[in-house]
Amino acid sequence: MPQQSINPATEEPLAVIQDTTPQEIESALARSAAAFQGWRKTSFRERTALLEQAASYLRTHKATLAATITQEMGKPIVEAEAEVEKCAWNCEFYAGNARRFLANRRVKSAASLSYVAFDPLGTVLAVMPWNFPFWQVFRFAAPAIMAGNTCLLKHASNVPQCSLAIQQVFHETGFPAGVFQSLFVPGAAVEGLIQDSRVQAVTLTGSDVTGSKVAEASGRNLKKTVLELGGADPFIVLPDADLKLAAEMGVRARNQNAGQSCIAAKRFIVVDDVADAFEERFARAVAQLRVGDPMQRDTQVGPLARPDLRDDLESQVQRSVQQGAYPATGGRRLEHKGYFYQPTVLTRVTRQMPAFREETFGPVAAMIRARDAAHAVQLANDSAFGLGASIWTADVKKAQVLARDIEAGGVFINGMVASDPRLPFGGVKRSGYGRELSDFGIREFVNIKTVWIAPAAPVQTPRSE
């Protein structure tokens, strides 16, 4: 079935991309395997030069690439430009650091020499989502390629033009044919790709349900996996927090990319002493957000990427309200063209409600009250997910103690959760496993190989007669 590109702000069709045929898939797998044999032997200097060219291309064509993102999945244009820029930064980061991250590590042992080497695995299959259609790809591809692997991308079916544009980046900047390729296949075809002996590893960013299926297929075929599967990130506000700053950053952390982010703040857990003041500030700021055409530079919240996403979000809000939540602002879809949903603040949210239990992938903030800091941490951990979390307080030392008790892959103190090439990124529980970015991320898809050289034989002294 062809993949359709539809503008979520206008509901107008943009393009139709035909599925990759079985013969084309076979050719792509063969090219990837063949390219690996040459690419693995290239020097870090050669790889660095090409990845730096990719960074330069991204910056030079930022306006065009950002427009493709905005038109295809609805991200406000300013955020789309920032996404392309971040991809360029990531390319430069790995171009500048991969040699050091993967340098042989000498280890003292009984050998005359023993060390750990990091060798590429082969072809890495990436199953990527639509919400950050460039960043999600480059944060896997840059380290995988610098490590000497080749890449196959199965992108989300609603962003085929982004997938083509990313493939073009690698083509135009001189990477050998087969090092990076896009495949246009339905989700049902992923298991067959995982089964293929030429695919050595799989990385996925998506829902926990999809992640479970990919993990199951990969496990049956003994393929290494890295899974980043979303979250219900807590945003903890303690009584001594700077409420003005916390509310300002909280609104941004919840509504960036129309709330369609795995690490968006979703559950705002506020200690009773300051809950009224924080909720009032937060709801007032959310009500003033500019919702509209994502191609306009002053738009702060664009549409959701697909109509089913809006329907799901609307259902979560309605079910939560039926159970006692109160929409302090928003709470409904906008009745005009495009898949828009009002930025929403739900107060009086309790543990049993969908707004607490489920991942709300859209501009809906759930306000939950805690008795004290210990109760706030307990509420934060009362989730199937564990991706990111943030703590807002004037007592940084106390926050560091609390951070050790929070079940998440990252805890940010007095700052919004964000991915950074210099820091490992990933989660625990149903948010997945493995890490992307930093030196940890580049070592996920390598063979950590021990090399051991026997001690020299002792010199035999001739026996005197």
Protein backbone atom coordinates (compact mmCIF):
# COMPACT_ATOMS: atom_id res chain seq x y z
CA MET A 1 0.00 0.00 0.00
CA PRO A 2 1.53 3.38 -1.00
CA GLN A 3 2.68 5.73 1.75
CA GLN A 4 0.80 9.03 1.78
CA SER A 5 2.16 12.36 2.86
CA ILE A 6 -0.63 14.64 4.14
CA ASN A 7 -0.27 18.14 5.54
CA PRO A 8 -1.82 17.90 9.04
CA ALA A 9 -2.51 21.63 9.18
CA THR A 10 -4.61 21.69 6.01
CA GLU A 11 -5.45 17.99 5.46
CA GLU A 12 -4.20 18.37 1.88
CA PRO A 13 -2.28 15.49 0.25
CA LEU A 14 1.35 16.32 -0.50
CA ALA A 15 2.79 13.19 -2.10
CA VAL A 16 2.37 9.47 -2.57
CA ILE A 17 5.41 7.23 -2.27
CA GLN A 18 5.16 3.70 -3.62
CA ASP A 19 6.19 0.85 -1.34
CA THR A 20 9.59 -0.69 -1.88
CA THR A 21 9.05 -3.91 -3.81
CA PRO A 22 10.38 -7.29 -2.57
CA GLN A 23 13.00 -7.17 -5.34
CA GLU A 24 14.07 -3.67 -4.29
CA ILE A 25 14.27 -4.78 -0.65
CA GLU A 26 16.54 -7.65 -1.64
CA SER A 27 18.72 -5.27 -3.62
CA ALA A 28 18.92 -2.85 -0.69
CA LEU A 29 19.93 -5.61 1.71
CA ALA A 30 22.59 -6.82 -0.72
CA ARG A 31 23.94 -3.28 -1.22
CA SER A 32 24.05 -2.70 2.52
CA ALA A 33 25.94 -5.93 3.18
CA ALA A 34 28.38 -5.24 0.34
CA ALA A 35 28.92 -1.64 1.42
CA PHE A 36 29.71 -2.78 4.95
CA GLN A 37 32.70 -4.79 3.76
CA GLY A 38 34.30 -1.63 2.43
CA TRP A 39 32.96 0.90 4.90
CA ARG A 40 34.20 -1.01 7.95
CA LYS A 41 37.77 -0.65 6.64
CA THR A 42 37.64 3.10 6.08
CA SER A 43 39.62 5.27 8.46
CA PHE A 44 38.10 7.53 11.06
CA ARG A 45 39.54 10.42 9.08
CA GLU A 46 37.53 9.41 6.01
CA ARG A 47 34.33 8.90 7.99
CA THR A 48 34.82 12.18 9.83
CA ALA A 49 35.22 14.15 6.60
CA LEU A 50 31.98 12.76 5.18
CA LEU A 51 29.96 13.28 8.37
CA GLU A 52 31.20 16.86 8.61
CA GLN A 53 30.02 17.36 5.03
CA ALA A 54 26.61 16.01 6.09
CA ALA A 55 26.51 18.57 8.91
CA SER A 56 27.36 21.34 6.47
CA TYR A 57 24.67 20.16 4.03
CA LEU A 58 22.07 20.14 6.80
CA ARG A 59 22.87 23.73 7.71
CA THR A 60 23.04 24.94 4.13
CA HIS A 61 19.65 23.38 3.31
CA LYS A 62 18.05 23.99 6.70
CA ALA A 63 15.18 26.11 5.39
CA THR A 64 14.11 23.54 2.81
CA LEU A 65 14.51 20.56 5.12
CA ALA A 66 12.63 22.28 7.95
CA ALA A 67 9.78 23.15 5.61
CA THR A 68 9.51 19.46 4.67
CA ILE A 69 9.24 18.55 8.37
CA THR A 70 6.61 21.22 9.02
CA GLN A 71 4.47 20.44 6.00
CA GLU A 72 4.58 16.69 6.55
CA MET A 73 4.04 16.36 10.33
CA GLY A 74 3.00 19.83 11.53
CA LYS A 75 5.92 20.92 13.70
CA PRO A 76 6.12 24.74 13.98
CA ILE A 77 8.72 25.97 11.53
CA VAL A 78 10.99 27.51 14.17
CA GLU A 79 11.12 24.17 16.00
CA ALA A 80 11.72 22.34 12.72
CA GLU A 81 14.71 24.56 11.96
CA ALA A 82 16.06 23.85 15.44
CA GLU A 83 15.66 20.12 14.79
CA VAL A 84 17.74 20.28 11.61
CA GLU A 85 20.38 22.33 13.41
CA LYS A 86 20.53 19.75 16.20
CA CYS A 87 21.11 17.00 13.65
CA ALA A 88 24.08 18.94 12.29
CA TRP A 89 25.45 19.33 15.82
CA ASN A 90 25.10 15.60 16.40
CA CYS A 91 27.01 14.83 13.19
CA GLU A 92 29.80 17.16 14.27
CA PHE A 93 29.87 15.67 17.76
CA TYR A 94 30.44 12.13 16.51
CA ALA A 95 32.78 13.24 13.75
CA GLY A 96 34.93 14.85 16.42
CA ASN A 97 34.71 12.18 19.10
CA ALA A 98 34.16 8.74 17.54
CA ARG A 99 37.87 7.92 17.24
CA ARG A 100 38.36 8.59 20.96
CA PHE A 101 35.18 6.73 21.99
CA LEU A 102 36.21 3.62 20.03
CA ALA A 103 39.95 3.65 20.66
CA ASN A 104 41.45 0.36 21.83
CA ARG A 105 41.48 0.10 25.61
CA ARG A 106 44.50 -1.54 27.12
CA VAL A 107 43.81 -3.78 30.12
CA LYS A 108 46.41 -5.23 32.47
CA SER A 109 46.30 -9.01 32.63
CA ALA A 110 48.60 -12.02 32.59
CA ALA A 111 49.11 -11.46 28.85
CA SER A 112 52.05 -9.63 27.38
CA LEU A 113 49.41 -7.38 25.92
CA SER A 114 45.62 -7.41 26.24
CA TYR A 115 43.16 -4.84 25.07
CA VAL A 116 39.51 -4.26 24.16
CA ALA A 117 38.69 -3.36 20.57
CA PHE A 118 35.38 -2.02 19.24
CA ASP A 119 34.47 -3.45 15.83
CA PRO A 120 31.32 -2.65 13.79
CA LEU A 121 28.55 -5.23 13.65
CA GLY A 122 27.21 -4.79 10.13
CA THR A 123 23.83 -3.52 8.95
CA VAL A 124 21.67 -1.79 11.56
CA LEU A 125 17.92 -1.62 10.87
CA ALA A 126 16.24 1.48 12.28
CA VAL A 127 12.47 1.69 12.78
CA MET A 128 11.83 5.37 13.42
CA PRO A 129 8.83 7.56 14.36
CA TRP A 130 7.38 10.68 12.84
CA ASN A 131 7.47 13.15 15.74
CA PHE A 132 11.13 14.17 15.31
CA PRO A 133 11.55 12.81 11.79
CA PHE A 134 15.13 14.04 11.31
CA TRP A 135 16.53 14.03 14.84
CA GLN A 136 15.46 10.47 15.68
CA VAL A 137 17.24 9.24 12.55
CA PHE A 138 20.46 11.20 12.90
CA ARG A 139 20.89 10.38 16.56
CA PHE A 140 21.13 6.69 15.61
CA ALA A 141 22.77 7.05 12.20
CA ALA A 142 25.67 9.36 13.04
CA PRO A 143 27.22 7.08 15.69
CA ALA A 144 26.33 3.86 13.85
CA ILE A 145 28.02 5.08 10.66
CA MET A 146 31.06 6.47 12.48
CA ALA A 147 31.46 3.06 14.13
CA GLY A 148 31.68 1.49 10.66
CA ASN A 149 28.16 0.09 10.34
CA THR A 150 25.71 0.53 7.47
CA CYS A 151 22.10 1.63 7.99
CA LEU A 152 18.64 0.75 6.71
CA LEU A 153 15.82 3.12 7.65
CA LYS A 154 12.17 2.09 7.88
CA HIS A 155 10.60 5.44 8.69
CA ALA A 156 7.04 6.15 9.81
CA SER A 157 4.60 5.90 6.91
CA ASN A 158 3.30 9.46 7.32
CA VAL A 159 6.72 11.09 6.76
CA PRO A 160 8.00 9.49 3.54
CA GLN A 161 9.30 12.79 2.17
CA CYS A 162 11.43 13.25 5.28
CA SER A 163 12.80 9.75 4.77
CA LEU A 164 13.73 10.57 1.17
CA ALA A 165 15.28 13.88 2.20
CA ILE A 166 17.49 12.18 4.81
CA GLN A 167 18.64 9.60 2.28
CA GLN A 168 19.46 12.47 -0.04
CA VAL A 169 21.67 14.07 2.63
CA PHE A 170 23.93 11.01 2.67
CA HIS A 171 23.86 10.67 -1.11
CA GLU A 172 24.71 14.31 -1.81
CA THR A 173 27.58 14.40 0.70
CA GLY A 174 29.49 11.52 -0.84
CA PHE A 175 28.79 8.50 1.34
CA PRO A 176 29.31 5.24 -0.58
CA ALA A 177 26.18 3.66 -2.03
CA GLY A 178 24.59 1.31 0.47
CA VAL A 179 25.91 2.97 3.64
CA PHE A 180 22.50 4.60 4.28
CA GLN A 181 19.25 3.60 2.56
CA SER A 182 15.55 4.26 3.12
CA LEU A 183 12.97 1.50 2.72
CA PHE A 184 9.28 2.25 2.24
CA VAL A 185 7.57 -0.76 3.76
CA PRO A 186 4.60 -1.32 6.08
CA GLY A 187 5.12 -2.21 9.72
CA ALA A 188 4.22 -5.81 8.97
CA ALA A 189 7.38 -6.13 6.87
CA VAL A 190 9.72 -5.31 9.76
CA GLU A 191 9.82 -8.85 11.14
CA GLY A 192 11.00 -10.19 7.79
CA LEU A 193 13.81 -7.65 7.74
CA ILE A 194 14.82 -8.62 11.28
CA GLN A 195 14.93 -12.27 10.24
CA ASP A 196 17.32 -11.57 7.37
CA SER A 197 20.86 -12.68 8.21
CA ARG A 198 22.30 -9.50 6.70
CA VAL A 199 20.67 -7.39 9.43
CA GLN A 200 22.81 -7.57 12.55
CA ALA A 201 21.03 -5.19 14.93
CA VAL A 202 17.80 -3.21 15.34
CA THR A 203 17.01 0.14 16.89
CA LEU A 204 13.47 1.43 17.39
CA THR A 205 11.89 4.56 18.75
CA GLY A 206 8.14 4.24 19.16
CA SER A 207 5.38 2.91 21.39
CA ASP A 208 5.91 0.25 24.02
CA VAL A 209 3.52 -2.03 22.13
CA THR A 210 5.55 -1.80 18.92
CA GLY A 211 8.75 -2.09 20.91
CA SER A 212 7.59 -5.34 22.46
CA LYS A 213 6.93 -6.80 19.01
CA VAL A 214 10.31 -5.76 17.69
CA ALA A 215 12.04 -7.09 20.81
CA GLU A 216 10.22 -10.40 20.42
CA ALA A 217 11.21 -10.78 16.77
CA SER A 218 14.77 -9.70 17.49
CA GLY A 219 15.02 -12.10 20.41
CA ARG A 220 13.92 -15.03 18.29
CA ASN A 221 16.63 -14.13 15.80
CA LEU A 222 19.26 -13.19 18.41
CA LYS A 223 19.67 -9.63 17.15
CA LYS A 224 20.95 -6.83 19.37
CA THR A 225 18.31 -4.15 20.03
CA VAL A 226 18.05 -0.66 21.44
CA LEU A 227 14.51 0.48 22.26
CA GLU A 228 13.30 3.97 23.18
CA LEU A 229 9.59 3.61 23.87
CA GLY A 230 8.10 6.79 25.19
CA GLY A 231 7.13 7.94 28.62
CA ALA A 232 4.86 9.74 31.04
CA ASP A 233 7.52 12.07 32.39
CA PRO A 234 6.93 13.61 35.84
CA PHE A 235 7.61 17.30 36.42
CA ILE A 236 8.00 17.68 40.19
CA VAL A 237 7.53 21.11 41.79
CA LEU A 238 8.61 21.45 45.43
CA PRO A 239 7.51 24.29 47.74
CA ASP A 240 10.78 26.25 47.46
CA ALA A 241 10.83 26.22 43.65
CA ASP A 242 10.91 29.38 41.55
CA LEU A 243 7.27 29.09 40.48
CA LYS A 244 7.54 31.68 37.72
CA LEU A 245 10.42 29.84 36.07
CA ALA A 246 8.95 26.39 36.71
CA ALA A 247 5.61 27.34 35.16
CA GLU A 248 7.26 29.03 32.17
CA MET A 249 9.51 26.05 31.46
CA GLY A 250 6.73 23.58 32.22
CA VAL A 251 4.46 25.10 29.58
CA ARG A 252 7.27 24.80 27.06
CA ALA A 253 8.16 21.27 28.16
CA ARG A 254 4.57 20.13 27.72
CA ASN A 255 3.61 21.94 24.51
CA GLN A 256 6.75 21.82 22.39
CA ASN A 257 6.01 19.95 19.14
CA ALA A 258 2.32 20.13 20.14
CA GLY A 259 3.15 17.83 23.06
CA GLN A 260 4.21 15.03 20.70
CA SER A 261 7.44 14.11 22.42
CA CYS A 262 8.47 11.05 24.41
CA ILE A 263 10.31 13.27 26.90
CA ALA A 264 7.64 15.97 27.15
CA ALA A 265 6.61 16.74 30.71
CA LYS A 266 3.24 15.05 31.06
CA ARG A 267 2.46 14.61 34.75
CA PHE A 268 2.93 17.79 36.79
CA ILE A 269 3.32 16.65 40.39
CA VAL A 270 3.12 19.69 42.64
CA VAL A 271 3.38 19.78 46.43
CA ASP A 272 0.14 21.01 48.03
CA ASP A 273 1.69 24.16 49.54
CA VAL A 274 2.23 25.75 46.12
CA ALA A 275 -0.22 23.80 43.95
CA ASP A 276 -2.86 26.54 43.65
CA ALA A 277 -0.32 29.20 42.69
CA PHE A 278 1.47 26.97 40.21
CA GLU A 279 -1.70 25.73 38.52
CA GLU A 280 -2.98 29.29 38.14
CA ARG A 281 0.27 30.50 36.54
CA PHE A 282 0.49 27.45 34.31
CA ALA A 283 -3.11 27.52 33.06
CA ARG A 284 -2.92 31.25 32.35
CA ALA A 285 0.21 30.79 30.24
CA VAL A 286 -1.23 27.80 28.35
CA ALA A 287 -4.39 29.76 27.50
CA GLN A 288 -2.20 32.40 25.82
CA LEU A 289 -0.32 30.00 23.54
CA ARG A 290 -0.66 30.80 19.85
CA VAL A 291 -2.16 27.84 17.97
CA GLY A 292 -2.26 27.91 14.20
CA ASP A 293 -0.45 27.56 10.90
CA PRO A 294 2.90 25.91 11.70
CA MET A 295 4.56 27.69 8.78
CA GLN A 296 4.03 31.02 10.55
CA ARG A 297 7.02 31.94 12.68
CA ASP A 298 4.96 33.18 15.62
CA THR A 299 2.96 29.93 15.93
CA GLN A 300 3.75 28.10 19.17
CA VAL A 301 1.50 25.04 18.81
CA GLY A 302 0.72 23.34 15.52
CA PRO A 303 -1.59 20.44 14.71
CA LEU A 304 -1.20 16.85 15.76
CA ALA A 305 0.37 14.76 13.05
CA ARG A 306 -2.60 12.52 12.23
CA PRO A 307 -6.36 12.46 12.91
CA ASP A 308 -6.17 9.21 14.90
CA LEU A 309 -3.69 10.83 17.29
CA ARG A 310 -6.15 13.64 17.94
CA ASP A 311 -8.96 11.13 18.46
CA ASP A 312 -6.89 9.17 20.97
CA LEU A 313 -5.95 12.31 22.89
CA GLU A 314 -9.55 13.51 22.93
CA SER A 315 -10.64 10.14 24.35
CA GLN A 316 -8.03 10.31 27.11
CA VAL A 317 -9.19 13.77 28.13
CA GLN A 318 -12.87 12.88 28.04
CA ARG A 319 -12.37 9.72 30.09
CA SER A 320 -10.30 11.62 32.65
CA VAL A 321 -12.95 14.35 32.95
CA GLN A 322 -15.63 11.71 33.40
CA GLN A 323 -13.61 10.40 36.35
CA GLY A 324 -13.34 13.83 37.98
CA ALA A 325 -10.57 15.78 36.26
CA TYR A 326 -11.28 19.46 35.58
CA PRO A 327 -10.22 21.24 32.35
CA ALA A 328 -8.85 24.52 33.68
CA THR A 329 -8.27 25.55 30.07
CA GLY A 330 -8.77 23.86 26.70
CA GLY A 331 -10.18 20.36 26.64
CA ARG A 332 -11.44 20.00 23.09
CA ARG A 333 -10.45 19.87 19.44
CA LEU A 334 -10.55 22.95 17.27
CA GLU A 335 -13.39 22.73 14.76
CA HIS A 336 -11.65 23.74 11.55
CA LYS A 337 -9.33 22.24 8.96
CA GLY A 338 -6.32 20.50 10.36
CA TYR A 339 -5.76 18.08 13.23
CA PHE A 340 -5.64 20.72 15.95
CA TYR A 341 -6.32 20.17 19.65
CA GLN A 342 -6.51 22.97 22.19
CA PRO A 343 -3.59 23.17 24.62
CA THR A 344 -5.19 21.76 27.76
CA VAL A 345 -4.60 21.78 31.50
CA LEU A 346 -6.38 19.14 33.57
CA THR A 347 -6.47 19.71 37.32
CA ARG A 348 -7.70 17.30 40.03
CA VAL A 349 -6.01 14.39 38.25
CA THR A 350 -5.68 11.20 40.30
CA ARG A 351 -3.76 7.95 39.85
CA GLN A 352 -6.62 6.02 38.27
CA MET A 353 -7.22 8.43 35.38
CA PRO A 354 -5.96 7.96 31.81
CA ALA A 355 -4.20 11.34 32.07
CA PHE A 356 -2.03 9.81 34.81
CA ARG A 357 -1.76 6.19 33.68
CA GLU A 358 -1.35 6.54 29.91
CA GLU A 359 1.09 8.41 27.73
CA THR A 360 -0.77 11.50 26.48
CA PHE A 361 0.87 12.34 23.16
CA GLY A 362 -0.39 15.86 22.66
CA PRO A 363 -0.76 19.25 24.37
CA VAL A 364 -2.44 18.03 27.56
CA ALA A 365 -0.90 18.68 30.99
CA ALA A 366 -2.11 16.66 34.00
CA MET A 367 -1.88 18.38 37.40
CA ILE A 368 -1.41 16.02 40.36
CA ARG A 369 -1.00 17.11 43.98
CA ALA A 370 1.51 15.61 46.41
CA ARG A 371 1.71 15.92 50.20
CA ASP A 372 5.48 16.40 50.27
CA ALA A 373 8.67 15.58 48.37
CA ALA A 374 8.63 11.90 49.32
CA HIS A 375 5.04 11.55 48.14
CA ALA A 376 5.94 13.36 44.91
CA VAL A 377 8.67 10.80 44.16
CA GLN A 378 6.24 7.98 44.96
CA LEU A 379 3.74 9.41 42.48
CA ALA A 380 6.48 9.92 39.89
CA ASN A 381 7.47 6.25 40.12
CA ASP A 382 3.86 5.05 39.96
CA SER A 383 4.06 4.59 36.21
CA ALA A 384 4.81 1.85 33.71
CA PHE A 385 7.26 4.25 32.06
CA GLY A 386 10.64 5.59 33.10
CA LEU A 387 12.18 7.84 30.46
CA GLY A 388 12.80 11.32 31.89
CA ALA A 389 11.90 13.38 34.94
CA SER A 390 12.54 16.87 36.25
CA ILE A 391 12.66 18.36 39.75
CA TRP A 392 12.18 22.03 40.54
CA THR A 393 13.54 23.31 43.84
CA ALA A 394 15.99 25.80 45.38
CA ASP A 395 17.66 22.96 47.28
CA VAL A 396 19.83 21.30 44.65
CA LYS A 397 21.49 18.93 47.12
CA LYS A 398 18.10 17.63 48.20
CA ALA A 399 17.08 17.27 44.55
CA GLN A 400 20.16 15.15 43.89
CA VAL A 401 19.16 12.81 46.70
CA LEU A 402 15.62 12.58 45.32
CA ALA A 403 16.98 11.98 41.81
CA ARG A 404 18.57 8.72 42.96
CA ASP A 405 15.12 7.44 43.95
CA ILE A 406 13.38 8.36 40.68
CA GLU A 407 12.99 5.48 38.22
CA ALA A 408 14.00 7.14 34.97
CA GLY A 409 16.79 7.19 32.44
CA GLY A 410 17.42 10.88 33.09
CA VAL A 411 16.60 13.39 35.82
CA PHE A 412 16.92 17.11 35.17
CA ILE A 413 17.07 19.52 38.10
CA ASN A 414 15.64 22.99 37.44
CA GLY A 415 15.59 22.38 33.71
CA MET A 416 13.37 20.68 31.15
CA VAL A 417 14.25 17.19 29.98
CA ALA A 418 16.09 17.25 26.67
CA SER A 419 18.36 15.04 24.59
CA ASP A 420 21.97 16.15 24.15
CA PRO A 421 24.63 14.40 22.02
CA ARG A 422 27.05 14.61 24.96
CA LEU A 423 24.77 12.71 27.37
CA PRO A 424 23.33 9.17 27.22
CA PHE A 425 19.64 9.00 26.38
CA GLY A 426 17.18 6.18 27.11
CA GLY A 427 14.84 4.76 29.69
CA VAL A 428 13.87 1.96 32.03
CA LYS A 429 10.70 -0.08 32.57
CA ARG A 430 8.36 0.18 29.56
CA SER A 431 10.35 3.11 28.24
CA GLY A 432 12.80 0.59 26.83
CA TYR A 433 16.46 -0.27 27.22
CA GLY A 434 19.85 0.57 25.79
CA ARG A 435 21.20 4.06 25.27
CA GLU A 436 21.58 6.48 22.41
CA LEU A 437 23.99 9.42 22.18
CA SER A 438 27.30 10.06 24.00
CA ASP A 439 30.02 7.41 24.16
CA PHE A 440 27.46 4.93 25.51
CA GLY A 441 25.35 5.24 22.37
CA ILE A 442 28.14 4.60 19.87
CA ARG A 443 29.12 1.42 21.71
CA GLU A 444 25.64 -0.12 21.47
CA PHE A 445 26.22 -1.40 17.94
CA VAL A 446 29.79 -2.64 18.08
CA ASN A 447 31.44 -5.95 18.89
CA ILE A 448 33.29 -5.38 22.16
CA LYS A 449 36.20 -7.65 21.38
CA THR A 450 38.94 -8.88 23.71
CA VAL A 451 42.40 -9.31 22.15
CA TRP A 452 44.89 -11.29 24.27
CA ILE A 453 48.54 -11.94 23.45
CA ALA A 454 50.39 -14.63 25.36
CA PRO A 455 53.37 -13.72 27.49
CA ALA A 456 56.75 -14.33 25.93
CA ALA A 457 58.17 -17.75 26.72
CA PRO A 458 60.87 -17.58 29.40
CA VAL A 459 64.42 -17.75 28.09
CA GLN A 460 65.95 -21.19 28.75
CA THR A 461 69.43 -20.98 30.32
CA PRO A 462 71.71 -23.80 29.12
CA ARG A 463 72.63 -26.21 31.89
CA SER A 464 76.36 -26.21 32.67
CA GLU A 465 78.15 -29.52 32.37
